Amino acid sequence: MLVVPTSCYLILSGLIFAIGAIGVLTRRSALILLMCVELMLNSVNLTLIALSRQWDNVNGQIFVFIIMAVAAAEVAVGLAIVIANSRHNDTTNIDDVKLLKW
């Protein structure tokens, strides 16, 4: 059986997090922004699972379930805000959002 070293998982997680961070910093669409935040959360989950497996400890895996629940709530609220804004402004561009400003 082939055993993949933990460093490979951590490198992959770092690449996924970097892609998500670049997407958050460069994109203007709210939907792509939410997808990039999800990429970042999933890269953290991958790190927690890899380190939990390396140390034979289930605490990281339990924390992953908590992060997944928070991510699901974030997606539900974020998509509701995006849909409400797109119905009002006919765009998902972050720069055109005036509804949520003071």
N, C-alpha and C. Protein backbone atom coordinates (compact mmCIF):
# COMPACT_ATOMS: atom_id res chain seq x y z
N MET A 1 0.84 -1.18 0.00
CA MET A 1 0.00 0.00 0.00
C MET A 1 0.88 1.24 0.00
N LEU A 2 0.55 2.18 -0.86
CA LEU A 2 1.31 3.41 -0.99
C LEU A 2 0.89 4.41 0.09
N VAL A 3 1.85 4.90 0.85
CA VAL A 3 1.58 5.87 1.90
C VAL A 3 2.11 7.22 1.43
N VAL A 4 1.21 8.19 1.34
CA VAL A 4 1.60 9.54 0.92
C VAL A 4 2.07 10.30 2.15
N PRO A 5 3.24 10.92 2.08
CA PRO A 5 3.74 11.66 3.26
C PRO A 5 2.90 12.90 3.54
N THR A 6 2.91 13.29 4.79
CA THR A 6 2.11 14.44 5.22
C THR A 6 2.55 15.72 4.53
N SER A 7 3.82 15.83 4.20
CA SER A 7 4.30 17.05 3.55
C SER A 7 3.63 17.28 2.20
N CYS A 8 3.27 16.21 1.48
CA CYS A 8 2.57 16.37 0.21
C CYS A 8 1.18 16.97 0.43
N TYR A 9 0.50 16.50 1.47
CA TYR A 9 -0.81 17.06 1.80
C TYR A 9 -0.70 18.54 2.19
N LEU A 10 0.33 18.87 2.94
CA LEU A 10 0.51 20.26 3.37
C LEU A 10 0.86 21.17 2.19
N ILE A 11 1.66 20.68 1.26
CA ILE A 11 1.99 21.47 0.07
C ILE A 11 0.73 21.68 -0.77
N LEU A 12 -0.05 20.62 -0.97
CA LEU A 12 -1.30 20.75 -1.72
C LEU A 12 -2.25 21.72 -1.03
N SER A 13 -2.33 21.63 0.28
CA SER A 13 -3.19 22.54 1.03
C SER A 13 -2.73 23.99 0.89
N GLY A 14 -1.42 24.21 0.92
CA GLY A 14 -0.90 25.55 0.74
C GLY A 14 -1.20 26.10 -0.65
N LEU A 15 -1.10 25.25 -1.67
CA LEU A 15 -1.43 25.69 -3.03
C LEU A 15 -2.91 26.03 -3.17
N ILE A 16 -3.77 25.20 -2.60
CA ILE A 16 -5.21 25.47 -2.65
C ILE A 16 -5.54 26.76 -1.90
N PHE A 17 -4.91 26.96 -0.75
CA PHE A 17 -5.15 28.20 0.01
C PHE A 17 -4.67 29.42 -0.77
N ALA A 18 -3.52 29.31 -1.44
CA ALA A 18 -2.99 30.42 -2.22
C ALA A 18 -3.92 30.75 -3.39
N ILE A 19 -4.45 29.74 -4.05
CA ILE A 19 -5.40 29.97 -5.15
C ILE A 19 -6.63 30.69 -4.62
N GLY A 20 -7.14 30.26 -3.47
CA GLY A 20 -8.31 30.91 -2.88
C GLY A 20 -8.02 32.34 -2.46
N ALA A 21 -6.84 32.57 -1.88
CA ALA A 21 -6.49 33.93 -1.45
C ALA A 21 -6.31 34.86 -2.64
N ILE A 22 -5.69 34.37 -3.69
CA ILE A 22 -5.53 35.20 -4.90
C ILE A 22 -6.89 35.50 -5.49
N GLY A 23 -7.78 34.53 -5.49
CA GLY A 23 -9.14 34.77 -6.00
C GLY A 23 -9.89 35.79 -5.18
N VAL A 24 -9.75 35.75 -3.86
CA VAL A 24 -10.43 36.73 -3.01
C VAL A 24 -9.89 38.13 -3.27
N LEU A 25 -8.58 38.23 -3.47
CA LEU A 25 -7.97 39.54 -3.64
C LEU A 25 -8.15 40.13 -5.04
N THR A 26 -8.36 39.29 -6.06
CA THR A 26 -8.39 39.82 -7.42
C THR A 26 -9.77 39.85 -8.06
N ARG A 27 -10.66 38.98 -7.68
CA ARG A 27 -11.96 38.90 -8.35
C ARG A 27 -12.95 39.89 -7.75
N ARG A 28 -13.94 40.26 -8.55
CA ARG A 28 -14.96 41.21 -8.10
C ARG A 28 -16.36 40.60 -8.05
N SER A 29 -16.54 39.41 -8.57
CA SER A 29 -17.85 38.77 -8.53
C SER A 29 -18.07 38.16 -7.15
N ALA A 30 -19.23 38.38 -6.60
CA ALA A 30 -19.53 37.87 -5.26
C ALA A 30 -19.59 36.35 -5.24
N LEU A 31 -20.05 35.74 -6.31
CA LEU A 31 -20.12 34.28 -6.35
C LEU A 31 -18.72 33.67 -6.37
N ILE A 32 -17.83 34.23 -7.17
CA ILE A 32 -16.46 33.73 -7.21
C ILE A 32 -15.76 33.98 -5.89
N LEU A 33 -16.07 35.10 -5.26
CA LEU A 33 -15.50 35.41 -3.95
C LEU A 33 -15.91 34.36 -2.92
N LEU A 34 -17.18 33.96 -2.92
CA LEU A 34 -17.64 32.92 -2.00
C LEU A 34 -16.97 31.58 -2.30
N MET A 35 -16.80 31.26 -3.57
CA MET A 35 -16.12 30.01 -3.93
C MET A 35 -14.67 30.02 -3.47
N CYS A 36 -14.01 31.16 -3.57
CA CYS A 36 -12.61 31.25 -3.13
C CYS A 36 -12.49 31.13 -1.62
N VAL A 37 -13.43 31.68 -0.89
CA VAL A 37 -13.44 31.52 0.56
C VAL A 37 -13.65 30.04 0.92
N GLU A 38 -14.50 29.35 0.17
CA GLU A 38 -14.70 27.93 0.39
C GLU A 38 -13.43 27.14 0.10
N LEU A 39 -12.69 27.53 -0.95
CA LEU A 39 -11.41 26.89 -1.22
C LEU A 39 -10.45 27.05 -0.05
N MET A 40 -10.42 28.24 0.52
CA MET A 40 -9.53 28.49 1.65
C MET A 40 -9.93 27.65 2.86
N LEU A 41 -11.23 27.55 3.12
CA LEU A 41 -11.70 26.73 4.25
C LEU A 41 -11.39 25.25 4.02
N ASN A 42 -11.55 24.79 2.79
CA ASN A 42 -11.25 23.39 2.50
C ASN A 42 -9.76 23.09 2.58
N SER A 43 -8.93 24.05 2.26
CA SER A 43 -7.49 23.82 2.41
C SER A 43 -7.11 23.71 3.89
N VAL A 44 -7.75 24.48 4.73
CA VAL A 44 -7.52 24.35 6.18
C VAL A 44 -8.02 22.98 6.66
N ASN A 45 -9.15 22.53 6.13
CA ASN A 45 -9.66 21.20 6.49
C ASN A 45 -8.67 20.11 6.09
N LEU A 46 -8.09 20.23 4.90
CA LEU A 46 -7.11 19.25 4.45
C LEU A 46 -5.89 19.23 5.37
N THR A 47 -5.45 20.41 5.80
CA THR A 47 -4.33 20.49 6.73
C THR A 47 -4.66 19.82 8.06
N LEU A 48 -5.84 20.11 8.58
CA LEU A 48 -6.24 19.50 9.86
C LEU A 48 -6.34 17.99 9.76
N ILE A 49 -6.90 17.49 8.66
CA ILE A 49 -7.02 16.04 8.50
C ILE A 49 -5.65 15.39 8.37
N ALA A 50 -4.75 16.02 7.59
CA ALA A 50 -3.41 15.44 7.40
C ALA A 50 -2.63 15.39 8.72
N LEU A 51 -2.68 16.48 9.48
CA LEU A 51 -1.96 16.50 10.74
C LEU A 51 -2.61 15.60 11.78
N SER A 52 -3.92 15.50 11.74
CA SER A 52 -4.62 14.60 12.64
C SER A 52 -4.25 13.14 12.35
N ARG A 53 -4.11 12.83 11.07
CA ARG A 53 -3.70 11.47 10.68
C ARG A 53 -2.26 11.19 11.08
N GLN A 54 -1.41 12.20 10.94
CA GLN A 54 0.00 12.01 11.28
C GLN A 54 0.18 11.76 12.77
N TRP A 55 -0.56 12.49 13.59
CA TRP A 55 -0.39 12.39 15.04
C TRP A 55 -1.35 11.39 15.69
N ASP A 56 -2.14 10.68 14.90
CA ASP A 56 -3.12 9.71 15.41
C ASP A 56 -4.02 10.31 16.48
N ASN A 57 -4.57 11.47 16.14
CA ASN A 57 -5.42 12.21 17.07
C ASN A 57 -6.68 12.62 16.32
N VAL A 58 -7.84 12.43 16.92
CA VAL A 58 -9.09 12.74 16.23
C VAL A 58 -9.56 14.18 16.45
N ASN A 59 -8.85 14.96 17.24
CA ASN A 59 -9.29 16.33 17.51
C ASN A 59 -9.36 17.17 16.24
N GLY A 60 -8.41 17.00 15.34
CA GLY A 60 -8.44 17.74 14.08
C GLY A 60 -9.62 17.36 13.23
N GLN A 61 -9.99 16.08 13.23
CA GLN A 61 -11.12 15.62 12.45
C GLN A 61 -12.44 16.14 13.01
N ILE A 62 -12.53 16.22 14.31
CA ILE A 62 -13.73 16.80 14.93
C ILE A 62 -13.84 18.28 14.59
N PHE A 63 -12.71 18.97 14.61
CA PHE A 63 -12.72 20.39 14.28
C PHE A 63 -13.11 20.62 12.82
N VAL A 64 -12.77 19.67 11.94
CA VAL A 64 -13.15 19.77 10.53
C VAL A 64 -14.67 19.76 10.40
N PHE A 65 -15.36 18.95 11.18
CA PHE A 65 -16.82 18.93 11.12
C PHE A 65 -17.40 20.28 11.56
N ILE A 66 -16.80 20.91 12.53
CA ILE A 66 -17.26 22.23 12.97
C ILE A 66 -17.04 23.25 11.85
N ILE A 67 -15.87 23.20 11.20
CA ILE A 67 -15.59 24.12 10.10
C ILE A 67 -16.56 23.90 8.95
N MET A 68 -16.90 22.64 8.67
CA MET A 68 -17.84 22.35 7.60
C MET A 68 -19.23 22.91 7.90
N ALA A 69 -19.64 22.86 9.15
CA ALA A 69 -20.93 23.42 9.54
C ALA A 69 -20.92 24.94 9.39
N VAL A 70 -19.84 25.58 9.81
CA VAL A 70 -19.71 27.03 9.66
C VAL A 70 -19.68 27.41 8.18
N ALA A 71 -18.99 26.62 7.37
CA ALA A 71 -18.92 26.90 5.93
C ALA A 71 -20.29 26.77 5.28
N ALA A 72 -21.07 25.78 5.69
CA ALA A 72 -22.41 25.62 5.14
C ALA A 72 -23.30 26.81 5.50
N ALA A 73 -23.20 27.27 6.73
CA ALA A 73 -23.97 28.45 7.15
C ALA A 73 -23.51 29.69 6.40
N GLU A 74 -22.20 29.81 6.19
CA GLU A 74 -21.66 30.96 5.46
C GLU A 74 -22.15 30.97 4.03
N VAL A 75 -22.21 29.81 3.40
CA VAL A 75 -22.69 29.73 2.02
C VAL A 75 -24.17 30.10 1.96
N ALA A 76 -24.96 29.61 2.90
CA ALA A 76 -26.39 29.91 2.90
C ALA A 76 -26.65 31.40 3.06
N VAL A 77 -25.99 32.02 4.02
CA VAL A 77 -26.18 33.45 4.24
C VAL A 77 -25.58 34.26 3.09
N GLY A 78 -24.41 33.88 2.64
CA GLY A 78 -23.76 34.61 1.55
C GLY A 78 -24.56 34.55 0.26
N LEU A 79 -25.07 33.38 -0.09
CA LEU A 79 -25.88 33.28 -1.31
C LEU A 79 -27.19 34.04 -1.18
N ALA A 80 -27.77 34.05 0.01
CA ALA A 80 -28.99 34.83 0.21
C ALA A 80 -28.72 36.32 0.00
N ILE A 81 -27.60 36.80 0.50
CA ILE A 81 -27.25 38.21 0.31
C ILE A 81 -26.97 38.50 -1.16
N VAL A 82 -26.26 37.60 -1.83
CA VAL A 82 -25.95 37.80 -3.25
C VAL A 82 -27.22 37.80 -4.09
N ILE A 83 -28.14 36.89 -3.82
CA ILE A 83 -29.39 36.83 -4.57
C ILE A 83 -30.22 38.08 -4.33
N ALA A 84 -30.32 38.52 -3.08
CA ALA A 84 -31.07 39.73 -2.77
C ALA A 84 -30.45 40.95 -3.45
N ASN A 85 -29.14 41.02 -3.46
CA ASN A 85 -28.47 42.15 -4.09
C ASN A 85 -28.61 42.09 -5.61
N SER A 86 -28.51 40.89 -6.20
CA SER A 86 -28.61 40.80 -7.66
C SER A 86 -30.03 41.09 -8.14
N ARG A 87 -31.01 40.81 -7.32
CA ARG A 87 -32.38 41.20 -7.69
C ARG A 87 -32.56 42.70 -7.62
N HIS A 88 -31.85 43.34 -6.72
CA HIS A 88 -31.98 44.79 -6.56
C HIS A 88 -31.15 45.55 -7.58
N ASN A 89 -29.92 45.09 -7.86
CA ASN A 89 -28.99 45.83 -8.72
C ASN A 89 -28.71 45.17 -10.05
N ASP A 90 -29.19 43.95 -10.29
CA ASP A 90 -28.93 43.19 -11.52
C ASP A 90 -27.44 42.95 -11.76
N THR A 91 -26.66 42.83 -10.70
CA THR A 91 -25.23 42.53 -10.83
C THR A 91 -24.75 41.80 -9.58
N THR A 92 -23.67 41.04 -9.75
CA THR A 92 -23.03 40.40 -8.60
C THR A 92 -21.66 41.00 -8.35
N ASN A 93 -21.38 42.14 -8.96
CA ASN A 93 -20.09 42.81 -8.79
C ASN A 93 -20.02 43.44 -7.40
N ILE A 94 -18.93 43.17 -6.70
CA ILE A 94 -18.77 43.68 -5.33
C ILE A 94 -18.67 45.19 -5.30
N ASP A 95 -18.07 45.78 -6.33
CA ASP A 95 -17.91 47.24 -6.35
C ASP A 95 -19.24 47.97 -6.50
N ASP A 96 -20.27 47.30 -7.05
CA ASP A 96 -21.56 47.96 -7.26
C ASP A 96 -22.52 47.77 -6.11
N VAL A 97 -22.10 47.16 -5.03
CA VAL A 97 -22.98 46.92 -3.89
C VAL A 97 -23.12 48.22 -3.11
N LYS A 98 -24.31 48.77 -3.13
CA LYS A 98 -24.61 50.00 -2.38
C LYS A 98 -25.66 49.73 -1.31
N LEU A 99 -26.29 48.58 -1.41
CA LEU A 99 -27.38 48.24 -0.50
C LEU A 99 -26.88 48.02 0.93
N LEU A 100 -25.64 47.51 1.10
CA LEU A 100 -25.13 47.15 2.40
C LEU A 100 -24.26 48.26 3.02
N LYS A 101 -24.11 49.38 2.33
CA LYS A 101 -23.30 50.48 2.88
C LYS A 101 -24.11 51.31 3.85
N TRP A 102 -23.42 52.07 4.67
CA TRP A 102 -24.08 52.92 5.66
C TRP A 102 -24.88 53.96 4.99
